[in-house]
Amino acid sequence: MNTDKENELVAAFTTAARELGFRFTSPLIIGNDSFLGLVQDFGSPKGTVIFLLGLKNDFTEVKQTGHFFSELAGSYCVFNRKIFEETLNDWGYFGPASEKPSWFTGQPWS
């Protein structure tokens, strides 16, 4: 069962996916485990599994599947277009070129 903050994070990513034109799946089931969600085509060819920072998260199974993962601060619990675009640019796009969002620059944080 998700915490209220985890539900807010999922809602923010659902909004971001709709507004920014990427695919987001929630929940994500890997084996017997359920995760908050998968940002498809970003972070790795298999996508990025999202976690809320500060919870006791176990990344073992996610690492074994080849997914990228990110522990996100509470500031991601509210959709902010600029922050989400910057984050997704930093993670990198690995999907089909024909589906790459028009706002994607690939500019990393640093």
N, C-alpha and C. Protein backbone atom coordinates (compact mmCIF):
# COMPACT_ATOMS: atom_id res chain seq x y z
N MET A 1 0.84 -1.18 0.00
CA MET A 1 0.00 0.00 0.00
C MET A 1 0.89 1.25 0.00
N ASN A 2 0.57 2.18 -0.86
CA ASN A 2 1.35 3.40 -0.99
C ASN A 2 1.01 4.41 0.09
N THR A 3 2.02 5.23 0.44
CA THR A 3 1.78 6.35 1.33
C THR A 3 1.11 7.47 0.54
N ASP A 4 0.59 8.47 1.25
CA ASP A 4 -0.02 9.62 0.56
C ASP A 4 0.99 10.29 -0.37
N LYS A 5 2.23 10.45 0.09
CA LYS A 5 3.27 11.09 -0.72
C LYS A 5 3.58 10.27 -1.97
N GLU A 6 3.60 8.96 -1.83
CA GLU A 6 3.83 8.11 -3.00
C GLU A 6 2.70 8.26 -4.01
N ASN A 7 1.47 8.33 -3.51
CA ASN A 7 0.32 8.55 -4.40
C ASN A 7 0.43 9.90 -5.11
N GLU A 8 0.92 10.92 -4.41
CA GLU A 8 1.11 12.23 -5.02
C GLU A 8 2.18 12.17 -6.11
N LEU A 9 3.25 11.40 -5.86
CA LEU A 9 4.31 11.25 -6.85
C LEU A 9 3.77 10.57 -8.11
N VAL A 10 2.98 9.52 -7.93
CA VAL A 10 2.37 8.83 -9.07
C VAL A 10 1.44 9.79 -9.83
N ALA A 11 0.65 10.57 -9.11
CA ALA A 11 -0.26 11.52 -9.76
C ALA A 11 0.52 12.57 -10.55
N ALA A 12 1.63 13.05 -9.99
CA ALA A 12 2.44 14.05 -10.69
C ALA A 12 3.04 13.46 -11.96
N PHE A 13 3.50 12.22 -11.91
CA PHE A 13 4.06 11.59 -13.11
C PHE A 13 2.98 11.27 -14.13
N THR A 14 1.78 10.96 -13.67
CA THR A 14 0.66 10.74 -14.58
C THR A 14 0.35 12.03 -15.33
N THR A 15 0.32 13.14 -14.60
CA THR A 15 0.10 14.45 -15.23
C THR A 15 1.24 14.79 -16.18
N ALA A 16 2.48 14.55 -15.74
CA ALA A 16 3.64 14.85 -16.58
C ALA A 16 3.59 14.06 -17.88
N ALA A 17 3.23 12.79 -17.79
CA ALA A 17 3.15 11.96 -19.00
C ALA A 17 2.13 12.52 -19.99
N ARG A 18 1.01 12.94 -19.47
CA ARG A 18 -0.04 13.52 -20.32
C ARG A 18 0.43 14.84 -20.93
N GLU A 19 1.01 15.71 -20.11
CA GLU A 19 1.41 17.05 -20.57
C GLU A 19 2.65 17.03 -21.46
N LEU A 20 3.58 16.12 -21.18
CA LEU A 20 4.85 16.11 -21.90
C LEU A 20 4.92 15.05 -22.99
N GLY A 21 3.92 14.19 -23.05
CA GLY A 21 3.84 13.22 -24.13
C GLY A 21 4.77 12.03 -24.02
N PHE A 22 4.90 11.47 -22.83
CA PHE A 22 5.65 10.22 -22.68
C PHE A 22 4.77 9.18 -22.01
N ARG A 23 5.24 7.95 -22.00
CA ARG A 23 4.45 6.86 -21.42
C ARG A 23 4.89 6.58 -19.99
N PHE A 24 3.89 6.43 -19.12
CA PHE A 24 4.12 6.14 -17.71
C PHE A 24 3.17 5.03 -17.31
N THR A 25 3.70 3.99 -16.68
CA THR A 25 2.92 2.85 -16.24
C THR A 25 2.95 2.77 -14.73
N SER A 26 1.78 2.68 -14.11
CA SER A 26 1.70 2.57 -12.65
C SER A 26 0.50 1.71 -12.27
N PRO A 27 0.71 0.75 -11.40
CA PRO A 27 1.99 0.33 -10.81
C PRO A 27 2.78 -0.51 -11.81
N LEU A 28 4.04 -0.73 -11.49
CA LEU A 28 4.90 -1.62 -12.26
C LEU A 28 5.09 -2.89 -11.44
N ILE A 29 4.83 -4.03 -12.05
CA ILE A 29 5.01 -5.31 -11.38
C ILE A 29 6.23 -5.99 -11.98
N ILE A 30 7.20 -6.33 -11.14
CA ILE A 30 8.37 -7.10 -11.54
C ILE A 30 8.43 -8.31 -10.62
N GLY A 31 8.26 -9.47 -11.19
CA GLY A 31 8.23 -10.69 -10.37
C GLY A 31 7.07 -10.62 -9.40
N ASN A 32 7.38 -10.74 -8.12
CA ASN A 32 6.36 -10.67 -7.07
C ASN A 32 6.27 -9.29 -6.43
N ASP A 33 7.05 -8.34 -6.95
CA ASP A 33 7.11 -7.02 -6.33
C ASP A 33 6.36 -5.97 -7.15
N SER A 34 5.78 -5.03 -6.45
CA SER A 34 5.06 -3.92 -7.07
C SER A 34 5.83 -2.63 -6.78
N PHE A 35 6.01 -1.82 -7.81
CA PHE A 35 6.72 -0.55 -7.69
C PHE A 35 5.81 0.59 -8.10
N LEU A 36 6.15 1.81 -7.69
CA LEU A 36 5.29 2.96 -7.95
C LEU A 36 5.00 3.13 -9.43
N GLY A 37 6.03 3.09 -10.25
CA GLY A 37 5.77 3.30 -11.66
C GLY A 37 7.01 3.21 -12.51
N LEU A 38 6.78 3.18 -13.81
CA LEU A 38 7.84 3.10 -14.80
C LEU A 38 7.68 4.24 -15.79
N VAL A 39 8.74 5.05 -15.91
CA VAL A 39 8.80 6.09 -16.94
C VAL A 39 9.45 5.42 -18.15
N GLN A 40 8.64 5.12 -19.13
CA GLN A 40 9.12 4.36 -20.28
C GLN A 40 9.97 5.22 -21.21
N ASP A 41 11.00 4.59 -21.76
CA ASP A 41 11.90 5.19 -22.76
C ASP A 41 12.88 6.21 -22.21
N PHE A 42 12.90 6.46 -20.93
CA PHE A 42 13.85 7.40 -20.34
C PHE A 42 14.72 6.68 -19.31
N GLY A 43 16.02 7.05 -19.27
CA GLY A 43 16.93 6.51 -18.27
C GLY A 43 17.66 5.26 -18.71
N SER A 44 17.01 4.41 -19.46
CA SER A 44 17.60 3.20 -20.02
C SER A 44 16.64 2.65 -21.07
N PRO A 45 17.09 1.72 -21.90
CA PRO A 45 16.16 1.14 -22.87
C PRO A 45 14.93 0.50 -22.22
N LYS A 46 15.06 0.07 -20.97
CA LYS A 46 13.92 -0.52 -20.26
C LYS A 46 13.13 0.51 -19.45
N GLY A 47 13.60 1.75 -19.41
CA GLY A 47 12.90 2.80 -18.68
C GLY A 47 13.43 3.00 -17.27
N THR A 48 12.77 3.90 -16.54
CA THR A 48 13.17 4.25 -15.18
C THR A 48 12.06 3.92 -14.20
N VAL A 49 12.43 3.17 -13.17
CA VAL A 49 11.51 2.87 -12.07
C VAL A 49 11.68 3.99 -11.04
N ILE A 50 10.55 4.58 -10.63
CA ILE A 50 10.63 5.71 -9.69
C ILE A 50 10.34 5.26 -8.26
N PHE A 51 11.04 5.89 -7.34
CA PHE A 51 10.88 5.69 -5.91
C PHE A 51 10.82 7.05 -5.24
N LEU A 52 10.21 7.11 -4.08
CA LEU A 52 10.20 8.34 -3.28
C LEU A 52 11.40 8.32 -2.34
N LEU A 53 12.19 9.37 -2.37
CA LEU A 53 13.38 9.50 -1.53
C LEU A 53 13.00 9.43 -0.06
N GLY A 54 13.83 8.75 0.71
CA GLY A 54 13.65 8.72 2.15
C GLY A 54 12.94 7.50 2.68
N LEU A 55 12.36 6.71 1.79
CA LEU A 55 11.73 5.47 2.23
C LEU A 55 12.76 4.35 2.13
N LYS A 56 12.55 3.30 2.87
CA LYS A 56 13.49 2.17 2.81
C LYS A 56 13.20 1.38 1.55
N ASN A 57 13.86 1.78 0.49
CA ASN A 57 13.64 1.15 -0.81
C ASN A 57 14.68 0.06 -1.05
N ASP A 58 14.26 -1.02 -1.66
CA ASP A 58 15.15 -2.11 -2.03
C ASP A 58 15.24 -2.14 -3.56
N PHE A 59 16.42 -1.86 -4.07
CA PHE A 59 16.61 -1.75 -5.51
C PHE A 59 17.14 -3.03 -6.15
N THR A 60 17.33 -4.07 -5.35
CA THR A 60 17.96 -5.30 -5.83
C THR A 60 17.29 -5.85 -7.08
N GLU A 61 15.99 -6.06 -7.03
CA GLU A 61 15.28 -6.67 -8.16
C GLU A 61 15.28 -5.74 -9.37
N VAL A 62 15.14 -4.44 -9.13
CA VAL A 62 15.14 -3.48 -10.23
C VAL A 62 16.50 -3.49 -10.94
N LYS A 63 17.58 -3.50 -10.17
CA LYS A 63 18.93 -3.53 -10.76
C LYS A 63 19.12 -4.78 -11.62
N GLN A 64 18.61 -5.91 -11.14
CA GLN A 64 18.79 -7.17 -11.85
C GLN A 64 18.06 -7.20 -13.19
N THR A 65 17.03 -6.40 -13.34
CA THR A 65 16.25 -6.40 -14.59
C THR A 65 16.81 -5.45 -15.64
N GLY A 66 17.78 -4.61 -15.26
CA GLY A 66 18.37 -3.68 -16.22
C GLY A 66 17.65 -2.35 -16.32
N HIS A 67 16.66 -2.12 -15.45
CA HIS A 67 16.00 -0.82 -15.43
C HIS A 67 16.90 0.20 -14.75
N PHE A 68 16.78 1.44 -15.16
CA PHE A 68 17.35 2.56 -14.42
C PHE A 68 16.37 2.84 -13.29
N PHE A 69 16.84 3.41 -12.19
CA PHE A 69 15.91 3.79 -11.13
C PHE A 69 16.33 5.13 -10.56
N SER A 70 15.36 5.82 -10.00
CA SER A 70 15.63 7.12 -9.41
C SER A 70 14.80 7.31 -8.16
N GLU A 71 15.49 7.74 -7.09
CA GLU A 71 14.81 8.14 -5.86
C GLU A 71 14.56 9.63 -5.97
N LEU A 72 13.30 10.00 -5.95
CA LEU A 72 12.92 11.39 -6.21
C LEU A 72 12.48 12.10 -4.93
N ALA A 73 12.90 13.35 -4.81
CA ALA A 73 12.53 14.18 -3.66
C ALA A 73 11.04 14.51 -3.69
N GLY A 74 10.54 14.92 -2.55
CA GLY A 74 9.14 15.29 -2.43
C GLY A 74 8.70 16.40 -3.36
N SER A 75 9.64 17.20 -3.85
CA SER A 75 9.29 18.27 -4.79
C SER A 75 8.72 17.73 -6.10
N TYR A 76 8.95 16.46 -6.40
CA TYR A 76 8.39 15.84 -7.60
C TYR A 76 6.95 15.38 -7.39
N CYS A 77 6.42 15.57 -6.21
CA CYS A 77 5.03 15.17 -5.92
C CYS A 77 4.02 16.15 -6.50
N VAL A 78 4.52 17.26 -7.03
CA VAL A 78 3.68 18.25 -7.71
C VAL A 78 4.30 18.47 -9.09
N PHE A 79 3.49 18.40 -10.13
CA PHE A 79 4.01 18.56 -11.49
C PHE A 79 4.48 19.99 -11.72
N ASN A 80 5.74 20.11 -12.12
CA ASN A 80 6.34 21.37 -12.53
C ASN A 80 7.02 21.08 -13.88
N ARG A 81 6.47 21.61 -14.92
CA ARG A 81 6.93 21.28 -16.28
C ARG A 81 8.44 21.43 -16.43
N LYS A 82 8.98 22.55 -15.99
CA LYS A 82 10.41 22.82 -16.15
C LYS A 82 11.26 21.76 -15.46
N ILE A 83 10.92 21.44 -14.23
CA ILE A 83 11.69 20.46 -13.46
C ILE A 83 11.59 19.07 -14.09
N PHE A 84 10.38 18.69 -14.51
CA PHE A 84 10.22 17.37 -15.12
C PHE A 84 10.97 17.29 -16.45
N GLU A 85 10.91 18.33 -17.27
CA GLU A 85 11.66 18.33 -18.53
C GLU A 85 13.16 18.21 -18.26
N GLU A 86 13.67 18.99 -17.31
CA GLU A 86 15.10 18.95 -16.99
C GLU A 86 15.51 17.57 -16.50
N THR A 87 14.68 16.96 -15.68
CA THR A 87 14.98 15.63 -15.15
C THR A 87 15.00 14.59 -16.27
N LEU A 88 13.99 14.61 -17.12
CA LEU A 88 13.93 13.64 -18.21
C LEU A 88 15.05 13.87 -19.22
N ASN A 89 15.43 15.11 -19.46
CA ASN A 89 16.58 15.39 -20.31
C ASN A 89 17.84 14.80 -19.70
N ASP A 90 17.99 14.94 -18.40
CA ASP A 90 19.16 14.41 -17.70
C ASP A 90 19.20 12.88 -17.78
N TRP A 91 18.05 12.24 -17.65
CA TRP A 91 18.01 10.77 -17.70
C TRP A 91 18.35 10.24 -19.09
N GLY A 92 18.03 11.00 -20.11
CA GLY A 92 18.26 10.57 -21.49
C GLY A 92 17.07 9.82 -22.06
N TYR A 93 16.92 9.92 -23.37
CA TYR A 93 15.82 9.27 -24.08
C TYR A 93 16.35 8.06 -24.83
N PHE A 94 15.68 6.91 -24.67
CA PHE A 94 16.13 5.66 -25.27
C PHE A 94 15.06 5.02 -26.15
N GLY A 95 13.98 5.72 -26.41
CA GLY A 95 12.89 5.17 -27.20
C GLY A 95 13.09 5.42 -28.69
N PRO A 96 12.07 5.08 -29.47
CA PRO A 96 12.13 5.30 -30.92
C PRO A 96 12.26 6.79 -31.25
N ALA A 97 13.11 7.10 -32.21
CA ALA A 97 13.32 8.50 -32.60
C ALA A 97 12.02 9.16 -33.02
N SER A 98 11.14 8.40 -33.64
CA SER A 98 9.86 8.96 -34.11
C SER A 98 8.93 9.36 -32.97
N GLU A 99 9.20 8.87 -31.76
CA GLU A 99 8.36 9.18 -30.60
C GLU A 99 9.02 10.13 -29.61
N LYS A 100 10.23 10.60 -29.94
CA LYS A 100 10.96 11.50 -29.04
C LYS A 100 10.17 12.80 -28.90
N PRO A 101 9.90 13.23 -27.66
CA PRO A 101 9.15 14.48 -27.46
C PRO A 101 9.89 15.69 -28.04
N SER A 102 9.14 16.63 -28.55
CA SER A 102 9.73 17.81 -29.20
C SER A 102 10.54 18.67 -28.23
N TRP A 103 10.23 18.63 -26.94
CA TRP A 103 10.94 19.43 -25.94
C TRP A 103 12.27 18.78 -25.53
N PHE A 104 12.49 17.52 -25.90
CA PHE A 104 13.68 16.80 -25.44
C PHE A 104 14.93 17.35 -26.10
N THR A 105 15.91 17.75 -25.27
CA THR A 105 17.19 18.26 -25.76
C THR A 105 18.35 17.33 -25.44
N GLY A 106 18.17 16.49 -24.42
CA GLY A 106 19.25 15.61 -23.98
C GLY A 106 20.27 16.33 -23.13
N GLN A 107 19.98 17.55 -22.73
CA GLN A 107 20.90 18.35 -21.93
C GLN A 107 20.95 17.80 -20.50
N PRO A 108 22.12 17.28 -20.05
CA PRO A 108 22.21 16.78 -18.68
C PRO A 108 22.28 17.92 -17.67
N TRP A 109 22.05 17.58 -16.40
CA TRP A 109 22.10 18.57 -15.31
C TRP A 109 23.44 19.27 -15.28
N SER A 110 24.53 18.50 -15.42
CA SER A 110 25.86 19.10 -15.25
C SER A 110 26.55 19.33 -16.57
